[in-house]
Structures are given as structure tokens and as C-alpha cells.
Amino acid sequence: MLLAVKIMLAFNAIFFFLSGYWGFVETIWVSDGIIIQPHLYAGFFTVCITCAIHSIVMFYFIGSGKILKEALLENYPDYFNENVYPMIRASKSKVFSWGTLSVLAMVFAGILGGAVSAGKVSSEVHLISILIATWITVKSFVYVLDFVKMNAEIMDSSADFIDNQQKITA
């Protein structure tokens, strides 16, 4: 899962920088009223990929949490309640809250980009919203990467714990 998230983040970063480059070219060197289509497409793709990454990660965490809960809670409730659940709960609260905020900020910045294209909002407002959305998104992706690593470690340590318990009882 970690490799898949890193690949999606790399594609997202490429299209984000392309969109930013084309946006600055459009704002600085192109006369008013002319819209560079690649900027719109790359920006739309960036927003869509950001939303997709957060959705995939959230579903992954929900699914892996359910698997851990089913595997451990029935047979080893003390281990689950003392070791696994507090770590998962603390991490998920950061990932889910920042992920949701990131999606909302990116969609809002994208909508403002459409308003710039329509001539209703200045490009500076769109730029500020993109900078804020980028900061939120980078912060959320840091949490996502940390939690994907931690989740893999929790899954491995829980599997080792179950194996050891089964060897002891056998």
C-alpha cells in the first residue's frame, strides 16, 4: 500500500507543478481573457487525484482496522484494547481530519480557479487559496505516509502476536 500511495503522490506532485507553471505563465505572460487549457486540465486532475488518494487511504484504513478488530478482539481483547486500538485511534483521528480538510481545501481552490476563468475572482485570490490548500494537503500527506507505515507495522506485529499465541497454546 505504501508504494501505491507514493506513486499516486508522485503523479499528483507532477500535475500540481505543471498546473502551477501553466497558471503563472497564463497570469504573467499571456494577455487577459486567454485561458491556457493545460492549466485547467492539470488543476482538475490534481484535485481529482488528491481526492482519490484520500478516499483510497481512508477506505484502506477502515478495512484494515476492521480486519484487525475481528482478528484480535474475539480471541485477544486485552492485547487489542491495550496495544493496538489506542495507536490506531490516535492516528486515524489525524489522518481523517486532515484528509477531509485537504479535500475540502483543494476542491474550494479548484472552484475559485473556475471563478478566475469566468472573470469573477482575481487570480491572486486563487493563488492564495492554492497555497493554503497545498499546505494543508502536504501536512495531510505526511500524516498519511506515517500512518500507512505504522499500520503495516501494527498488522505485522499483530500477526506475529497471533502466531506466538497459537504456538504457546499448541
N, C-alpha and C. Protein backbone atom coordinates (compact mmCIF):
# COMPACT_ATOMS: atom_id res chain seq x y z
N MET A 1 0.83 -1.20 0.00
CA MET A 1 0.00 0.00 0.00
C MET A 1 0.87 1.26 0.00
N LEU A 2 1.98 1.20 0.73
CA LEU A 2 2.85 2.37 0.82
C LEU A 2 3.39 2.75 -0.56
N LEU A 3 3.80 1.77 -1.34
CA LEU A 3 4.31 2.05 -2.68
C LEU A 3 3.23 2.66 -3.56
N ALA A 4 2.02 2.15 -3.48
CA ALA A 4 0.92 2.69 -4.28
C ALA A 4 0.64 4.14 -3.91
N VAL A 5 0.66 4.44 -2.62
CA VAL A 5 0.42 5.82 -2.17
C VAL A 5 1.55 6.74 -2.66
N LYS A 6 2.78 6.27 -2.60
CA LYS A 6 3.91 7.09 -3.06
C LYS A 6 3.83 7.35 -4.56
N ILE A 7 3.41 6.35 -5.34
CA ILE A 7 3.27 6.54 -6.78
C ILE A 7 2.17 7.56 -7.08
N MET A 8 1.04 7.44 -6.39
CA MET A 8 -0.04 8.41 -6.60
C MET A 8 0.39 9.81 -6.19
N LEU A 9 1.15 9.92 -5.10
CA LEU A 9 1.65 11.23 -4.67
C LEU A 9 2.61 11.81 -5.70
N ALA A 10 3.43 10.97 -6.32
CA ALA A 10 4.35 11.47 -7.34
C ALA A 10 3.59 12.02 -8.54
N PHE A 11 2.58 11.28 -9.02
CA PHE A 11 1.76 11.79 -10.12
C PHE A 11 1.06 13.08 -9.73
N ASN A 12 0.56 13.13 -8.52
CA ASN A 12 -0.12 14.33 -8.04
C ASN A 12 0.84 15.52 -8.02
N ALA A 13 2.05 15.30 -7.54
CA ALA A 13 3.03 16.39 -7.48
C ALA A 13 3.40 16.88 -8.88
N ILE A 14 3.57 15.96 -9.82
CA ILE A 14 3.91 16.35 -11.19
C ILE A 14 2.82 17.24 -11.78
N PHE A 15 1.58 16.80 -11.67
CA PHE A 15 0.50 17.59 -12.24
C PHE A 15 0.27 18.88 -11.47
N PHE A 16 0.54 18.87 -10.17
CA PHE A 16 0.42 20.10 -9.39
C PHE A 16 1.43 21.14 -9.88
N PHE A 17 2.68 20.73 -10.07
CA PHE A 17 3.70 21.67 -10.53
C PHE A 17 3.44 22.12 -11.97
N LEU A 18 2.98 21.22 -12.82
CA LEU A 18 2.63 21.62 -14.19
C LEU A 18 1.49 22.63 -14.18
N SER A 19 0.50 22.37 -13.36
CA SER A 19 -0.63 23.30 -13.26
C SER A 19 -0.16 24.67 -12.76
N GLY A 20 0.70 24.66 -11.75
CA GLY A 20 1.23 25.92 -11.25
C GLY A 20 2.05 26.67 -12.28
N TYR A 21 2.88 25.95 -13.01
CA TYR A 21 3.69 26.57 -14.06
C TYR A 21 2.79 27.21 -15.11
N TRP A 22 1.82 26.43 -15.62
CA TRP A 22 0.93 26.97 -16.64
C TRP A 22 0.07 28.11 -16.10
N GLY A 23 -0.27 28.05 -14.82
CA GLY A 23 -1.03 29.14 -14.22
C GLY A 23 -0.24 30.43 -14.16
N PHE A 24 1.04 30.34 -13.78
CA PHE A 24 1.88 31.54 -13.75
C PHE A 24 2.15 32.07 -15.15
N VAL A 25 2.36 31.17 -16.11
CA VAL A 25 2.56 31.61 -17.49
C VAL A 25 1.31 32.35 -17.97
N GLU A 26 0.16 31.81 -17.65
CA GLU A 26 -1.10 32.43 -18.06
C GLU A 26 -1.26 33.81 -17.41
N THR A 27 -0.92 33.91 -16.14
CA THR A 27 -1.12 35.16 -15.41
C THR A 27 -0.10 36.22 -15.81
N ILE A 28 1.15 35.83 -16.00
CA ILE A 28 2.21 36.80 -16.21
C ILE A 28 2.41 37.16 -17.68
N TRP A 29 2.45 36.15 -18.57
CA TRP A 29 2.85 36.41 -19.94
C TRP A 29 1.72 36.43 -20.96
N VAL A 30 0.60 35.92 -20.61
CA VAL A 30 -0.50 35.87 -21.58
C VAL A 30 -1.46 37.01 -21.27
N SER A 31 -2.01 37.59 -22.31
CA SER A 31 -2.93 38.71 -22.10
C SER A 31 -4.20 38.24 -21.41
N ASP A 32 -4.89 39.19 -20.79
CA ASP A 32 -6.12 38.87 -20.07
C ASP A 32 -7.16 38.30 -21.02
N GLY A 33 -7.93 37.39 -20.49
CA GLY A 33 -9.02 36.80 -21.27
C GLY A 33 -8.65 35.53 -21.99
N ILE A 34 -7.37 35.22 -22.07
CA ILE A 34 -6.94 33.99 -22.73
C ILE A 34 -6.64 32.96 -21.64
N ILE A 35 -7.26 31.82 -21.75
CA ILE A 35 -7.08 30.77 -20.75
C ILE A 35 -6.26 29.65 -21.37
N ILE A 36 -5.24 29.24 -20.68
CA ILE A 36 -4.42 28.12 -21.14
C ILE A 36 -5.11 26.84 -20.68
N GLN A 37 -5.56 26.04 -21.61
CA GLN A 37 -6.29 24.83 -21.28
C GLN A 37 -5.49 23.83 -20.45
N PRO A 38 -4.20 23.63 -20.71
CA PRO A 38 -3.47 22.66 -19.87
C PRO A 38 -3.50 23.01 -18.38
N HIS A 39 -3.53 24.29 -18.04
CA HIS A 39 -3.62 24.69 -16.64
C HIS A 39 -4.92 24.18 -16.03
N LEU A 40 -6.00 24.35 -16.74
CA LEU A 40 -7.29 23.87 -16.24
C LEU A 40 -7.31 22.36 -16.09
N TYR A 41 -6.80 21.66 -17.11
CA TYR A 41 -6.81 20.20 -17.06
C TYR A 41 -5.90 19.66 -15.96
N ALA A 42 -4.71 20.22 -15.85
CA ALA A 42 -3.78 19.75 -14.82
C ALA A 42 -4.31 20.08 -13.42
N GLY A 43 -4.91 21.25 -13.27
CA GLY A 43 -5.50 21.60 -11.98
C GLY A 43 -6.65 20.69 -11.61
N PHE A 44 -7.51 20.40 -12.58
CA PHE A 44 -8.64 19.49 -12.33
C PHE A 44 -8.12 18.10 -11.99
N PHE A 45 -7.12 17.64 -12.72
CA PHE A 45 -6.54 16.32 -12.46
C PHE A 45 -5.91 16.27 -11.07
N THR A 46 -5.23 17.34 -10.67
CA THR A 46 -4.61 17.40 -9.35
C THR A 46 -5.66 17.30 -8.25
N VAL A 47 -6.75 18.04 -8.39
CA VAL A 47 -7.82 17.98 -7.39
C VAL A 47 -8.41 16.58 -7.35
N CYS A 48 -8.65 15.98 -8.51
CA CYS A 48 -9.23 14.64 -8.55
C CYS A 48 -8.30 13.60 -7.93
N ILE A 49 -7.02 13.68 -8.23
CA ILE A 49 -6.06 12.72 -7.66
C ILE A 49 -5.94 12.91 -6.15
N THR A 50 -5.94 14.15 -5.68
CA THR A 50 -5.90 14.39 -4.24
C THR A 50 -7.10 13.76 -3.55
N CYS A 51 -8.27 13.97 -4.12
CA CYS A 51 -9.48 13.36 -3.55
C CYS A 51 -9.41 11.84 -3.60
N ALA A 52 -8.91 11.29 -4.70
CA ALA A 52 -8.81 9.83 -4.84
C ALA A 52 -7.83 9.24 -3.84
N ILE A 53 -6.70 9.89 -3.66
CA ILE A 53 -5.71 9.37 -2.70
C ILE A 53 -6.31 9.31 -1.30
N HIS A 54 -6.95 10.39 -0.89
CA HIS A 54 -7.53 10.40 0.45
C HIS A 54 -8.66 9.39 0.58
N SER A 55 -9.47 9.23 -0.44
CA SER A 55 -10.55 8.24 -0.39
C SER A 55 -10.00 6.82 -0.29
N ILE A 56 -9.00 6.51 -1.11
CA ILE A 56 -8.41 5.17 -1.10
C ILE A 56 -7.77 4.89 0.26
N VAL A 57 -7.03 5.85 0.78
CA VAL A 57 -6.37 5.66 2.07
C VAL A 57 -7.40 5.49 3.18
N MET A 58 -8.45 6.27 3.17
CA MET A 58 -9.46 6.15 4.22
C MET A 58 -10.15 4.79 4.16
N PHE A 59 -10.50 4.33 2.97
CA PHE A 59 -11.11 3.00 2.85
C PHE A 59 -10.13 1.91 3.27
N TYR A 60 -8.86 2.08 2.95
CA TYR A 60 -7.84 1.11 3.36
C TYR A 60 -7.76 1.04 4.88
N PHE A 61 -7.74 2.20 5.54
CA PHE A 61 -7.64 2.20 6.99
C PHE A 61 -8.89 1.63 7.64
N ILE A 62 -10.04 1.93 7.09
CA ILE A 62 -11.27 1.37 7.64
C ILE A 62 -11.26 -0.15 7.50
N GLY A 63 -10.87 -0.63 6.32
CA GLY A 63 -10.83 -2.07 6.09
C GLY A 63 -9.80 -2.78 6.94
N SER A 64 -8.59 -2.22 7.03
CA SER A 64 -7.55 -2.87 7.83
C SER A 64 -7.90 -2.82 9.31
N GLY A 65 -8.53 -1.74 9.75
CA GLY A 65 -8.96 -1.66 11.14
C GLY A 65 -10.02 -2.70 11.46
N LYS A 66 -10.92 -2.91 10.53
CA LYS A 66 -11.96 -3.92 10.73
C LYS A 66 -11.35 -5.32 10.79
N ILE A 67 -10.38 -5.59 9.92
CA ILE A 67 -9.71 -6.90 9.92
C ILE A 67 -8.97 -7.11 11.25
N LEU A 68 -8.25 -6.10 11.71
CA LEU A 68 -7.54 -6.21 12.99
C LEU A 68 -8.52 -6.42 14.14
N LYS A 69 -9.59 -5.68 14.11
CA LYS A 69 -10.56 -5.80 15.19
C LYS A 69 -11.16 -7.19 15.23
N GLU A 70 -11.54 -7.72 14.06
CA GLU A 70 -12.13 -9.06 14.02
C GLU A 70 -11.12 -10.13 14.42
N ALA A 71 -9.87 -9.97 14.01
CA ALA A 71 -8.85 -10.99 14.30
C ALA A 71 -8.43 -10.99 15.76
N LEU A 72 -8.38 -9.83 16.37
CA LEU A 72 -7.83 -9.73 17.72
C LEU A 72 -8.88 -9.63 18.81
N LEU A 73 -9.95 -8.94 18.57
CA LEU A 73 -10.89 -8.66 19.64
C LEU A 73 -11.57 -9.91 20.16
N GLU A 74 -11.85 -10.84 19.28
CA GLU A 74 -12.54 -12.06 19.71
C GLU A 74 -11.67 -12.94 20.60
N ASN A 75 -10.41 -13.12 20.21
CA ASN A 75 -9.54 -14.05 20.93
C ASN A 75 -8.56 -13.38 21.89
N TYR A 76 -8.17 -12.14 21.59
CA TYR A 76 -7.17 -11.45 22.40
C TYR A 76 -7.62 -10.02 22.69
N PRO A 77 -8.70 -9.85 23.44
CA PRO A 77 -9.22 -8.49 23.66
C PRO A 77 -8.28 -7.59 24.45
N ASP A 78 -7.53 -8.16 25.39
CA ASP A 78 -6.62 -7.32 26.17
C ASP A 78 -5.51 -6.74 25.31
N TYR A 79 -4.93 -7.57 24.45
CA TYR A 79 -3.88 -7.10 23.55
C TYR A 79 -4.42 -6.02 22.62
N PHE A 80 -5.61 -6.24 22.08
CA PHE A 80 -6.20 -5.25 21.17
C PHE A 80 -6.48 -3.94 21.88
N ASN A 81 -7.13 -4.00 23.04
CA ASN A 81 -7.53 -2.78 23.75
C ASN A 81 -6.35 -2.01 24.32
N GLU A 82 -5.27 -2.70 24.70
CA GLU A 82 -4.14 -2.03 25.32
C GLU A 82 -3.07 -1.59 24.32
N ASN A 83 -2.86 -2.38 23.27
CA ASN A 83 -1.74 -2.11 22.37
C ASN A 83 -2.15 -1.55 21.01
N VAL A 84 -3.15 -2.13 20.42
CA VAL A 84 -3.47 -1.81 19.03
C VAL A 84 -4.45 -0.64 18.92
N TYR A 85 -5.55 -0.72 19.63
CA TYR A 85 -6.62 0.26 19.47
C TYR A 85 -6.19 1.70 19.77
N PRO A 86 -5.45 1.98 20.85
CA PRO A 86 -5.06 3.37 21.10
C PRO A 86 -4.21 3.98 19.99
N MET A 87 -3.29 3.19 19.42
CA MET A 87 -2.45 3.71 18.34
C MET A 87 -3.28 3.99 17.09
N ILE A 88 -4.16 3.06 16.76
CA ILE A 88 -4.98 3.24 15.56
C ILE A 88 -5.90 4.43 15.72
N ARG A 89 -6.52 4.55 16.87
CA ARG A 89 -7.46 5.65 17.09
C ARG A 89 -6.78 7.01 17.01
N ALA A 90 -5.63 7.14 17.64
CA ALA A 90 -4.91 8.42 17.62
C ALA A 90 -4.48 8.79 16.21
N SER A 91 -4.00 7.82 15.47
CA SER A 91 -3.53 8.10 14.11
C SER A 91 -4.67 8.38 13.15
N LYS A 92 -5.72 7.60 13.26
CA LYS A 92 -6.85 7.81 12.35
C LYS A 92 -7.49 9.17 12.56
N SER A 93 -7.51 9.65 13.79
CA SER A 93 -8.12 10.97 14.01
C SER A 93 -7.34 12.05 13.28
N LYS A 94 -6.02 11.94 13.24
CA LYS A 94 -5.21 12.92 12.50
C LYS A 94 -5.40 12.75 11.00
N VAL A 95 -5.31 11.50 10.53
CA VAL A 95 -5.38 11.25 9.09
C VAL A 95 -6.75 11.64 8.54
N PHE A 96 -7.81 11.23 9.20
CA PHE A 96 -9.15 11.50 8.68
C PHE A 96 -9.49 12.98 8.73
N SER A 97 -9.14 13.66 9.82
CA SER A 97 -9.48 15.09 9.91
C SER A 97 -8.68 15.92 8.91
N TRP A 98 -7.38 15.68 8.83
CA TRP A 98 -6.55 16.44 7.88
C TRP A 98 -6.86 16.05 6.45
N GLY A 99 -7.18 14.78 6.22
CA GLY A 99 -7.54 14.34 4.87
C GLY A 99 -8.82 15.00 4.38
N THR A 100 -9.81 15.07 5.26
CA THR A 100 -11.07 15.72 4.89
C THR A 100 -10.86 17.20 4.64
N LEU A 101 -10.08 17.85 5.50
CA LEU A 101 -9.78 19.27 5.32
C LEU A 101 -9.01 19.50 4.02
N SER A 102 -8.10 18.60 3.69
CA SER A 102 -7.33 18.71 2.45
C SER A 102 -8.24 18.63 1.23
N VAL A 103 -9.13 17.67 1.23
CA VAL A 103 -10.06 17.52 0.10
C VAL A 103 -10.92 18.77 -0.04
N LEU A 104 -11.45 19.27 1.07
CA LEU A 104 -12.29 20.47 1.01
C LEU A 104 -11.50 21.68 0.51
N ALA A 105 -10.27 21.83 0.99
CA ALA A 105 -9.45 22.98 0.57
C ALA A 105 -9.10 22.90 -0.91
N MET A 106 -8.75 21.71 -1.39
CA MET A 106 -8.40 21.56 -2.81
C MET A 106 -9.61 21.80 -3.71
N VAL A 107 -10.76 21.28 -3.32
CA VAL A 107 -11.97 21.50 -4.12
C VAL A 107 -12.33 22.98 -4.12
N PHE A 108 -12.22 23.64 -2.97
CA PHE A 108 -12.51 25.07 -2.89
C PHE A 108 -11.56 25.86 -3.78
N ALA A 109 -10.27 25.52 -3.75
CA ALA A 109 -9.30 26.22 -4.60
C ALA A 109 -9.59 25.97 -6.07
N GLY A 110 -10.02 24.76 -6.40
CA GLY A 110 -10.39 24.45 -7.78
C GLY A 110 -11.61 25.24 -8.24
N ILE A 111 -12.58 25.37 -7.36
CA ILE A 111 -13.78 26.16 -7.68
C ILE A 111 -13.40 27.62 -7.89
N LEU A 112 -12.50 28.12 -7.05
CA LEU A 112 -12.03 29.50 -7.24
C LEU A 112 -11.29 29.65 -8.56
N GLY A 113 -10.59 28.59 -8.99
CA GLY A 113 -9.94 28.61 -10.30
C GLY A 113 -10.95 28.75 -11.42
N GLY A 114 -12.08 28.07 -11.28
CA GLY A 114 -13.15 28.24 -12.27
C GLY A 114 -13.71 29.65 -12.25
N ALA A 115 -13.80 30.23 -11.05
CA ALA A 115 -14.28 31.61 -10.95
C ALA A 115 -13.29 32.58 -11.59
N VAL A 116 -12.00 32.28 -11.51
CA VAL A 116 -10.99 33.11 -12.18
C VAL A 116 -11.19 33.02 -13.68
N SER A 117 -11.42 31.82 -14.19
CA SER A 117 -11.65 31.64 -15.63
C SER A 117 -12.87 32.40 -16.11
N ALA A 118 -13.87 32.50 -15.24
CA ALA A 118 -15.09 33.22 -15.60
C ALA A 118 -14.95 34.73 -15.39
N GLY A 119 -13.83 35.15 -14.80
CA GLY A 119 -13.61 36.57 -14.58
C GLY A 119 -14.30 37.12 -13.35
N LYS A 120 -14.72 36.27 -12.45
CA LYS A 120 -15.44 36.70 -11.24
C LYS A 120 -14.52 36.91 -10.03
N VAL A 121 -13.34 36.30 -10.07
CA VAL A 121 -12.40 36.37 -8.95
C VAL A 121 -11.02 36.67 -9.52
N SER A 122 -10.22 37.41 -8.77
CA SER A 122 -8.87 37.70 -9.25
C SER A 122 -7.97 36.47 -9.09
N SER A 123 -6.94 36.43 -9.90
CA SER A 123 -6.03 35.29 -9.84
C SER A 123 -5.24 35.25 -8.53
N GLU A 124 -5.08 36.39 -7.87
CA GLU A 124 -4.38 36.42 -6.60
C GLU A 124 -5.15 35.66 -5.52
N VAL A 125 -6.47 35.79 -5.53
CA VAL A 125 -7.30 35.06 -4.56
C VAL A 125 -7.15 33.56 -4.79
N HIS A 126 -7.16 33.16 -6.07
CA HIS A 126 -6.98 31.75 -6.41
C HIS A 126 -5.60 31.28 -5.96
N LEU A 127 -4.57 32.09 -6.16
CA LEU A 127 -3.22 31.73 -5.76
C LEU A 127 -3.13 31.53 -4.24
N ILE A 128 -3.71 32.44 -3.48
CA ILE A 128 -3.69 32.32 -2.02
C ILE A 128 -4.42 31.06 -1.58
N SER A 129 -5.57 30.78 -2.20
CA SER A 129 -6.31 29.57 -1.83
C SER A 129 -5.52 28.31 -2.18
N ILE A 130 -4.81 28.34 -3.30
CA ILE A 130 -3.98 27.19 -3.68
C ILE A 130 -2.83 27.01 -2.69
N LEU A 131 -2.20 28.09 -2.27
CA LEU A 131 -1.10 27.98 -1.31
C LEU A 131 -1.59 27.41 0.02
N ILE A 132 -2.74 27.87 0.49
CA ILE A 132 -3.31 27.33 1.73
C ILE A 132 -3.68 25.86 1.55
N ALA A 133 -4.33 25.54 0.44
CA ALA A 133 -4.72 24.15 0.17
C ALA A 133 -3.49 23.26 0.04
N THR A 134 -2.43 23.78 -0.55
CA THR A 134 -1.20 22.99 -0.69
C THR A 134 -0.58 22.71 0.67
N TRP A 135 -0.55 23.70 1.54
CA TRP A 135 0.00 23.49 2.88
C TRP A 135 -0.81 22.43 3.62
N ILE A 136 -2.12 22.53 3.56
CA ILE A 136 -2.97 21.55 4.23
C ILE A 136 -2.77 20.16 3.63
N THR A 137 -2.68 20.09 2.31
CA THR A 137 -2.53 18.80 1.64
C THR A 137 -1.18 18.16 1.94
N VAL A 138 -0.12 18.94 1.94
CA VAL A 138 1.20 18.39 2.26
C VAL A 138 1.21 17.87 3.70
N LYS A 139 0.64 18.64 4.61
CA LYS A 139 0.56 18.20 6.00
C LYS A 139 -0.24 16.91 6.12
N SER A 140 -1.35 16.82 5.40
CA SER A 140 -2.16 15.60 5.46
C SER A 140 -1.43 14.41 4.84
N PHE A 141 -0.68 14.64 3.76
CA PHE A 141 0.05 13.54 3.14
C PHE A 141 1.19 13.04 4.03
N VAL A 142 1.78 13.93 4.82
CA VAL A 142 2.79 13.49 5.78
C VAL A 142 2.16 12.55 6.79
N TYR A 143 0.97 12.91 7.30
CA TYR A 143 0.26 12.02 8.22
C TYR A 143 -0.12 10.71 7.54
N VAL A 144 -0.54 10.78 6.29
CA VAL A 144 -0.94 9.58 5.56
C VAL A 144 0.25 8.63 5.43
N LEU A 145 1.39 9.14 5.00
CA LEU A 145 2.56 8.27 4.83
C LEU A 145 3.01 7.67 6.15
N ASP A 146 3.01 8.47 7.21
CA ASP A 146 3.38 7.95 8.52
C ASP A 146 2.42 6.86 8.97
N PHE A 147 1.13 7.08 8.75
CA PHE A 147 0.16 6.11 9.23
C PHE A 147 0.14 4.85 8.38
N VAL A 148 0.42 4.97 7.09
CA VAL A 148 0.49 3.76 6.26
C VAL A 148 1.64 2.88 6.76
N LYS A 149 2.78 3.49 7.08
CA LYS A 149 3.91 2.73 7.63
C LYS A 149 3.54 2.12 8.97
N MET A 150 2.95 2.92 9.86
CA MET A 150 2.59 2.43 11.17
C MET A 150 1.53 1.34 11.08
N ASN A 151 0.59 1.48 10.17
CA ASN A 151 -0.46 0.48 10.02
C ASN A 151 0.13 -0.86 9.57
N ALA A 152 1.11 -0.81 8.68
CA ALA A 152 1.78 -2.05 8.25
C ALA A 152 2.52 -2.69 9.42
N GLU A 153 3.16 -1.87 10.24
CA GLU A 153 3.85 -2.41 11.42
C GLU A 153 2.87 -3.02 12.41
N ILE A 154 1.73 -2.37 12.61
CA ILE A 154 0.71 -2.90 13.52
C ILE A 154 0.18 -4.23 12.99
N MET A 155 -0.08 -4.29 11.69
CA MET A 155 -0.58 -5.54 11.10
C MET A 155 0.46 -6.65 11.27
N ASP A 156 1.73 -6.34 11.02
CA ASP A 156 2.79 -7.35 11.16
C ASP A 156 2.95 -7.79 12.61
N SER A 157 2.99 -6.83 13.53
CA SER A 157 3.16 -7.19 14.94
C SER A 157 1.96 -7.96 15.47
N SER A 158 0.76 -7.62 15.00
CA SER A 158 -0.43 -8.36 15.42
C SER A 158 -0.41 -9.78 14.87
N ALA A 159 0.04 -9.94 13.63
CA ALA A 159 0.15 -11.28 13.06
C ALA A 159 1.20 -12.10 13.82
N ASP A 160 2.32 -11.47 14.19
CA ASP A 160 3.34 -12.16 14.98
C ASP A 160 2.79 -12.54 16.35
N PHE A 161 2.04 -11.65 16.97
CA PHE A 161 1.45 -11.93 18.28
C PHE A 161 0.50 -13.12 18.19
N ILE A 162 -0.34 -13.15 17.17
CA ILE A 162 -1.28 -14.26 17.00
C ILE A 162 -0.51 -15.56 16.77
N ASP A 163 0.53 -15.52 15.94
CA ASP A 163 1.33 -16.72 15.69
C ASP A 163 1.98 -17.22 16.98
N ASN A 164 2.54 -16.32 17.77
CA ASN A 164 3.17 -16.71 19.03
C ASN A 164 2.15 -17.29 20.00
N GLN A 165 0.97 -16.68 20.07
CA GLN A 165 -0.06 -17.19 20.97
C GLN A 165 -0.54 -18.58 20.54
N GLN A 166 -0.62 -18.79 19.24
CA GLN A 166 -1.04 -20.10 18.74
C GLN A 166 0.03 -21.15 19.00
N LYS A 167 1.31 -20.77 18.93
CA LYS A 167 2.39 -21.71 19.23
C LYS A 167 2.40 -22.07 20.71
N ILE A 168 2.11 -21.07 21.56
CA ILE A 168 2.10 -21.31 23.00
C ILE A 168 0.96 -22.26 23.38
N THR A 169 -0.21 -22.05 22.80
CA THR A 169 -1.36 -22.88 23.14
C THR A 169 -1.32 -24.25 22.48
N ALA A 170 -0.51 -24.41 21.43
CA ALA A 170 -0.47 -25.70 20.73
C ALA A 170 0.43 -26.70 21.39
